[in-house]
Amino acid sequence: MLKDLADRIKGQINSYVLNQEAMTELALVALFAGGHVLLEGVPGLAKTLWARSLARTVGVDCKRVQFTADLMPSDILGTKIFNQQTGAFELRRGPLFTQLLLADEINRTPPKTQSALLEVMEERAITIDGETHTLSEPFFVMATQNPVEYEGTYPLPEALTDRFMMKILLTYPGVAAEKQLLQMYHQGFDAAKLAETNMQPVAYAHDILEARREIQAVTVEEGLFNYIVSVVETTRRMGAVQYGASPRGSVALLLAAKTYAAMQGRDFVIPDDVRFLSAPVLRHRIMLNPESEIEGTTTDGVIETILEQVKAPR
């Protein structure tokens, strides 16, 4: 059952990544739903630790790439190298040949490399010299971007951020959690040496794929289809919005709601599922008018207003 699987994974991750339960909950929704997440937060909020903890918890391969201004598509996809001994070209696979990729500071690499990553996220396959290589499932990308220090960055175009199922905003863990973190390090914990901890797999790739079949069976009433469409369609009619969410946003909200319902132990979606997931699913799919941004309007504020206006089914 997905609820039991999710609880096991959350229990282990949350014992190492302190007071980031909201990120864990949302990121697991995206993982089980077959989506990807964009994380935004200042450095040092355990994004790398979370990704590595998830990889060890579910027993999948994990790679981390630090995106820089000189990173080329071949650096992440791979390339063919001529082997003088065999007289043939051999494929040297890039870090995208993995199951869990942490794309660190994706907004620091040029658009050409960003596009190469996002194409693989959509297709689940890499084509090199006309030869297509299908990636192993589950394939999950966690991309991070720093909300400060925009100098020398290449912000993701809205059309590309739309490829991410969710955009998750990270906050500081709080005084109590930070003190607990200090105590962990005082007792010998090292985030760079997870292999030396007691962290063991509590699930495997086939469990995630089986969970996706359970999600498919979650029922959605006609009223909830109408509710999701109404919420997304309203983003296109708000005065503060220049461009609203596309139908891909509706699909993402539906799949996320079905997944979250299953993670709560239900085989049906309720309006609260849609409300809970609307902000992370839609915030990066909405472009505000320049005038609204100057006035201090935020996409989360617009979404909150929409949820107050659109009547939920009973």
Protein backbone atom coordinates (compact mmCIF):
# COMPACT_ATOMS: atom_id res chain seq x y z
CA MET A 1 0.00 0.00 0.00
CA LEU A 2 1.37 3.41 -0.98
CA LYS A 3 0.64 4.98 2.41
CA ASP A 4 2.83 2.43 4.20
CA LEU A 5 5.58 2.83 1.59
CA ALA A 6 5.51 6.62 1.84
CA ASP A 7 5.50 6.54 5.65
CA ARG A 8 8.60 4.30 5.70
CA ILE A 9 10.46 6.58 3.30
CA LYS A 10 9.42 9.77 5.10
CA GLY A 11 10.31 8.32 8.48
CA GLN A 12 13.90 7.57 7.50
CA ILE A 13 14.53 10.78 5.54
CA ASN A 14 13.04 13.02 8.21
CA SER A 15 15.35 11.56 10.83
CA TYR A 16 18.34 12.94 8.90
CA VAL A 17 16.86 16.00 7.15
CA LEU A 18 15.44 17.97 10.03
CA ASN A 19 12.25 20.03 9.93
CA GLN A 20 11.84 19.84 6.15
CA GLU A 21 8.82 17.55 6.28
CA ALA A 22 6.90 19.72 3.82
CA MET A 23 9.62 19.34 1.19
CA THR A 24 9.71 15.58 1.78
CA GLU A 25 5.95 15.25 1.42
CA LEU A 26 5.74 17.25 -1.80
CA ALA A 27 8.85 15.78 -3.41
CA LEU A 28 7.59 12.25 -2.77
CA VAL A 29 4.28 13.17 -4.40
CA ALA A 30 6.22 14.19 -7.52
CA LEU A 31 8.40 11.06 -7.40
CA PHE A 32 5.46 8.68 -7.14
CA ALA A 33 3.52 10.61 -9.80
CA GLY A 34 6.43 10.39 -12.25
CA GLY A 35 7.19 14.12 -12.18
CA HIS A 36 10.19 16.27 -11.30
CA VAL A 37 10.70 19.09 -8.82
CA LEU A 38 12.35 22.50 -8.86
CA LEU A 39 13.64 23.54 -5.44
CA GLU A 40 14.25 27.17 -4.59
CA GLY A 41 16.07 28.16 -1.44
CA VAL A 42 19.27 29.65 -0.12
CA PRO A 43 22.35 27.39 0.09
CA GLY A 44 22.71 25.09 3.07
CA LEU A 45 19.11 23.91 3.47
CA ALA A 46 19.93 20.19 3.01
CA LYS A 47 18.89 19.86 -0.64
CA THR A 48 21.87 17.63 -1.46
CA LEU A 49 21.47 15.66 1.77
CA TRP A 50 17.79 15.09 0.95
CA ALA A 51 18.54 13.76 -2.52
CA ARG A 52 21.28 11.43 -1.29
CA SER A 53 19.10 10.28 1.60
CA LEU A 54 16.26 9.46 -0.78
CA ALA A 55 18.62 7.51 -3.05
CA ARG A 56 19.84 5.37 -0.14
CA THR A 57 16.33 4.97 1.24
CA VAL A 58 14.83 3.62 -2.01
CA GLY A 59 17.98 1.89 -3.27
CA VAL A 60 18.44 3.80 -6.55
CA ASP A 61 21.45 5.29 -8.28
CA CYS A 62 22.03 8.99 -7.60
CA LYS A 63 24.27 11.57 -9.26
CA ARG A 64 24.81 15.25 -8.56
CA VAL A 65 25.82 17.81 -11.18
CA GLN A 66 26.96 21.32 -10.28
CA PHE A 67 25.66 23.44 -13.15
CA THR A 68 28.10 26.15 -14.24
CA ALA A 69 28.33 28.72 -17.03
CA ASP A 70 30.70 26.55 -19.10
CA LEU A 71 28.70 23.29 -18.83
CA MET A 72 27.85 21.85 -22.25
CA PRO A 73 25.05 19.40 -23.17
CA SER A 74 27.59 16.63 -23.84
CA ASP A 75 28.90 17.07 -20.29
CA ILE A 76 25.61 15.80 -18.88
CA LEU A 77 24.37 13.60 -21.74
CA GLY A 78 27.62 11.87 -22.63
CA THR A 79 29.54 11.49 -25.87
CA LYS A 80 31.23 8.90 -28.05
CA ILE A 81 35.00 8.52 -27.74
CA PHE A 82 37.21 6.78 -30.29
CA ASN A 83 38.98 3.77 -28.80
CA GLN A 84 42.29 3.30 -30.62
CA GLN A 85 42.68 -0.26 -29.33
CA THR A 86 39.36 -1.49 -30.73
CA GLY A 87 39.17 0.94 -33.65
CA ALA A 88 35.59 1.84 -32.76
CA PHE A 89 33.67 4.63 -31.05
CA GLU A 90 32.51 3.87 -27.51
CA LEU A 91 29.84 5.65 -25.53
CA ARG A 92 31.01 7.52 -22.48
CA ARG A 93 27.84 8.04 -20.49
CA GLY A 94 27.17 11.33 -18.76
CA PRO A 95 25.63 11.81 -15.31
CA LEU A 96 22.10 11.86 -16.78
CA PHE A 97 22.37 8.07 -17.04
CA THR A 98 21.02 7.64 -13.52
CA GLN A 99 17.73 7.28 -11.66
CA LEU A 100 17.92 10.29 -9.34
CA LEU A 101 19.68 13.42 -10.57
CA LEU A 102 20.36 16.46 -8.42
CA ALA A 103 20.83 19.35 -10.85
CA ASP A 104 22.40 21.90 -8.56
CA GLU A 105 21.85 25.58 -9.47
CA ILE A 106 20.30 24.88 -12.86
CA ASN A 107 19.98 28.62 -13.47
CA ARG A 108 23.76 28.99 -13.67
CA THR A 109 24.13 27.06 -16.92
CA PRO A 110 23.34 28.33 -20.47
CA PRO A 111 19.91 27.69 -22.07
CA LYS A 112 21.33 25.06 -24.44
CA THR A 113 22.34 22.83 -21.53
CA GLN A 114 19.12 23.57 -19.65
CA SER A 115 17.11 22.49 -22.70
CA ALA A 116 19.08 19.26 -23.03
CA LEU A 117 18.22 18.34 -19.45
CA LEU A 118 14.56 19.24 -19.76
CA GLU A 119 14.19 17.26 -22.99
CA VAL A 120 15.49 14.15 -21.24
CA MET A 121 13.11 14.80 -18.34
CA GLU A 122 10.20 14.72 -20.77
CA GLU A 123 11.31 11.88 -23.04
CA ARG A 124 13.03 9.64 -20.45
CA ALA A 125 15.58 8.87 -23.18
CA ILE A 126 18.92 10.22 -24.44
CA THR A 127 19.86 10.31 -28.12
CA ILE A 128 23.57 10.45 -28.97
CA ASP A 129 24.72 10.25 -32.60
CA GLY A 130 21.34 8.95 -33.69
CA GLU A 131 21.25 6.16 -31.10
CA THR A 132 18.52 6.36 -28.46
CA HIS A 133 19.14 5.12 -24.92
CA THR A 134 16.09 4.65 -22.67
CA LEU A 135 16.66 5.56 -19.03
CA SER A 136 15.80 3.25 -16.16
CA GLU A 137 12.65 4.00 -14.19
CA PRO A 138 12.07 5.66 -11.88
CA PHE A 139 13.88 8.68 -13.34
CA PHE A 140 13.57 11.66 -11.02
CA VAL A 141 15.18 15.10 -11.33
CA MET A 142 15.57 17.52 -8.45
CA ALA A 143 16.79 20.85 -9.83
CA THR A 144 17.75 23.66 -7.50
CA GLN A 145 18.06 27.37 -8.03
CA ASN A 146 19.29 30.06 -5.68
CA PRO A 147 16.82 32.94 -5.18
CA VAL A 148 19.74 35.35 -4.55
CA GLU A 149 22.92 36.22 -6.49
CA TYR A 150 21.29 36.50 -9.90
CA GLU A 151 24.46 37.93 -11.46
CA GLY A 152 25.82 35.53 -14.07
CA THR A 153 22.71 33.33 -14.10
CA TYR A 154 20.39 32.18 -16.87
CA PRO A 155 16.88 32.14 -15.39
CA LEU A 156 14.76 29.26 -16.65
CA PRO A 157 12.19 30.46 -19.22
CA GLU A 158 8.60 29.92 -18.16
CA ALA A 159 8.11 27.43 -21.00
CA LEU A 160 10.89 25.30 -19.52
CA THR A 161 9.90 25.54 -15.86
CA ASP A 162 6.52 24.19 -16.97
CA ARG A 163 8.23 20.82 -17.39
CA PHE A 164 8.60 20.52 -13.63
CA MET A 165 5.59 19.09 -11.83
CA MET A 166 6.25 21.27 -8.77
CA LYS A 167 8.24 24.21 -7.55
CA ILE A 168 8.98 23.85 -3.86
CA LEU A 169 10.10 26.82 -1.77
CA LEU A 170 12.47 25.97 1.08
CA THR A 171 12.69 27.87 4.35
CA TYR A 172 15.08 27.81 7.29
CA PRO A 173 14.54 24.80 9.59
CA GLY A 174 14.03 26.79 12.79
CA VAL A 175 16.03 27.21 15.98
CA ALA A 176 15.13 23.86 17.59
CA ALA A 177 15.95 21.85 14.47
CA GLU A 178 19.20 23.76 13.94
CA LYS A 179 20.26 22.99 17.51
CA GLN A 180 19.44 19.32 16.96
CA LEU A 181 21.54 19.42 13.78
CA LEU A 182 24.50 20.77 15.76
CA GLN A 183 24.12 17.95 18.26
CA MET A 184 24.09 15.38 15.44
CA TYR A 185 27.34 16.76 14.03
CA HIS A 186 28.81 16.96 17.52
CA GLN A 187 28.13 13.24 17.90
CA GLY A 188 29.92 12.44 14.63
CA PHE A 189 27.28 12.72 11.89
CA ASP A 190 28.63 13.83 8.50
CA ALA A 191 26.25 14.50 5.60
CA ALA A 192 29.04 13.63 3.16
CA LYS A 193 29.42 10.15 4.69
CA LEU A 194 25.93 8.66 4.65
CA ALA A 195 27.46 5.25 3.96
CA GLU A 196 28.76 5.29 7.54
CA THR A 197 25.28 5.80 9.01
CA ASN A 198 22.58 3.23 9.73
CA MET A 199 20.59 4.35 6.69
CA GLN A 200 19.44 1.29 4.77
CA PRO A 201 16.96 0.88 1.88
CA VAL A 202 13.38 0.58 3.07
CA ALA A 203 12.02 0.36 -0.48
CA TYR A 204 13.24 -0.28 -4.01
CA ALA A 205 12.59 0.91 -7.56
CA HIS A 206 9.99 -1.79 -8.20
CA ASP A 207 8.02 -0.57 -5.16
CA ILE A 208 7.77 2.89 -6.71
CA LEU A 209 6.61 1.46 -10.03
CA GLU A 210 4.03 -0.68 -8.25
CA ALA A 211 2.84 2.40 -6.35
CA ARG A 212 2.17 4.14 -9.66
CA ARG A 213 -0.26 1.39 -10.58
CA GLU A 214 -2.06 1.97 -7.29
CA ILE A 215 -2.24 5.71 -8.04
CA GLN A 216 -3.80 4.98 -11.42
CA ALA A 217 -6.70 3.26 -9.64
CA VAL A 218 -7.55 6.30 -7.47
CA THR A 219 -11.02 7.57 -8.37
CA VAL A 220 -11.89 11.19 -9.19
CA GLU A 221 -15.47 12.45 -9.15
CA GLU A 222 -16.81 14.58 -12.01
CA GLY A 223 -17.06 17.59 -9.71
CA LEU A 224 -13.34 17.45 -8.96
CA PHE A 225 -12.45 17.40 -12.65
CA ASN A 226 -14.50 20.58 -12.99
CA TYR A 227 -12.85 22.05 -9.88
CA ILE A 228 -9.32 21.47 -11.19
CA VAL A 229 -10.18 22.94 -14.59
CA SER A 230 -11.83 25.96 -12.96
CA VAL A 231 -8.83 26.68 -10.72
CA VAL A 232 -6.35 26.46 -13.60
CA GLU A 233 -8.56 28.34 -16.06
CA THR A 234 -9.02 31.17 -13.56
CA THR A 235 -5.25 31.74 -13.51
CA ARG A 236 -5.61 32.92 -17.12
CA ARG A 237 -8.27 35.53 -16.27
CA MET A 238 -6.79 37.23 -13.21
CA GLY A 239 -5.97 40.89 -13.75
CA ALA A 240 -2.53 40.56 -12.14
CA VAL A 241 -1.54 37.67 -14.43
CA GLN A 242 0.04 38.07 -17.85
CA TYR A 243 0.09 34.35 -18.67
CA GLY A 244 -1.78 31.67 -16.73
CA ALA A 245 -1.17 27.96 -16.36
CA SER A 246 -1.47 25.72 -19.42
CA PRO A 247 -3.40 22.41 -19.67
CA ARG A 248 -0.18 20.74 -18.56
CA GLY A 249 -0.78 22.42 -15.23
CA SER A 250 -4.25 20.84 -15.03
CA VAL A 251 -2.78 17.41 -15.73
CA ALA A 252 -0.04 17.90 -13.13
CA LEU A 253 -2.56 19.01 -10.51
CA LEU A 254 -4.76 15.97 -11.20
CA LEU A 255 -1.88 13.48 -11.01
CA ALA A 256 -0.47 15.12 -7.89
CA ALA A 257 -3.88 15.07 -6.19
CA LYS A 258 -4.37 11.37 -6.99
CA THR A 259 -0.90 10.59 -5.64
CA TYR A 260 -1.38 12.60 -2.46
CA ALA A 261 -4.74 10.91 -1.85
CA ALA A 262 -3.10 7.47 -2.13
CA MET A 263 -0.30 8.59 0.22
CA GLN A 264 -3.00 9.45 2.78
CA GLY A 265 -4.47 5.96 2.45
CA ARG A 266 -7.48 6.94 0.34
CA ASP A 267 -8.58 5.59 -3.04
CA PHE A 268 -10.41 8.81 -3.92
CA VAL A 269 -9.50 12.50 -4.27
CA ILE A 270 -11.08 15.21 -2.14
CA PRO A 271 -11.07 19.02 -2.70
CA ASP A 272 -8.53 19.53 0.10
CA ASP A 273 -5.99 17.52 -1.92
CA VAL A 274 -6.34 19.96 -4.80
CA ARG A 275 -6.14 23.00 -2.52
CA PHE A 276 -3.04 21.69 -0.74
CA LEU A 277 -1.17 21.07 -4.00
CA SER A 278 -2.31 24.10 -6.01
CA ALA A 279 0.53 26.41 -4.94
CA PRO A 280 3.50 24.05 -5.57
CA VAL A 281 2.00 22.81 -8.84
CA LEU A 282 0.94 26.19 -10.26
CA ARG A 283 3.27 28.86 -8.82
CA HIS A 284 5.92 28.42 -11.54
CA ARG A 285 3.33 28.24 -14.33
CA ILE A 286 1.98 31.76 -13.74
CA MET A 287 3.64 34.93 -15.08
CA LEU A 288 2.57 38.14 -13.40
CA ASN A 289 2.24 41.51 -15.07
CA PRO A 290 5.24 43.79 -14.41
CA GLU A 291 2.92 46.31 -12.75
CA SER A 292 1.63 43.66 -10.33
CA GLU A 293 5.15 42.57 -9.40
CA ILE A 294 6.09 46.18 -8.66
CA GLU A 295 3.07 46.42 -6.38
CA GLY A 296 4.27 43.36 -4.46
CA THR A 297 1.82 40.79 -5.82
CA THR A 298 3.07 37.20 -5.66
CA THR A 299 2.01 34.09 -7.55
CA ASP A 300 1.20 32.36 -4.25
CA GLY A 301 -1.05 35.29 -3.35
CA VAL A 302 -2.83 35.01 -6.69
CA ILE A 303 -3.35 31.27 -6.19
CA GLU A 304 -4.71 31.84 -2.69
CA THR A 305 -7.17 34.38 -4.09
CA ILE A 306 -8.28 31.94 -6.77
CA LEU A 307 -8.88 29.18 -4.23
CA GLU A 308 -11.06 31.61 -2.25
CA GLN A 309 -13.05 32.53 -5.36
CA VAL A 310 -13.54 29.13 -7.00
CA LYS A 311 -16.20 27.10 -5.21
CA ALA A 312 -15.09 23.59 -4.29
CA PRO A 313 -17.45 20.66 -4.86
CA ARG A 314 -19.12 19.08 -1.86
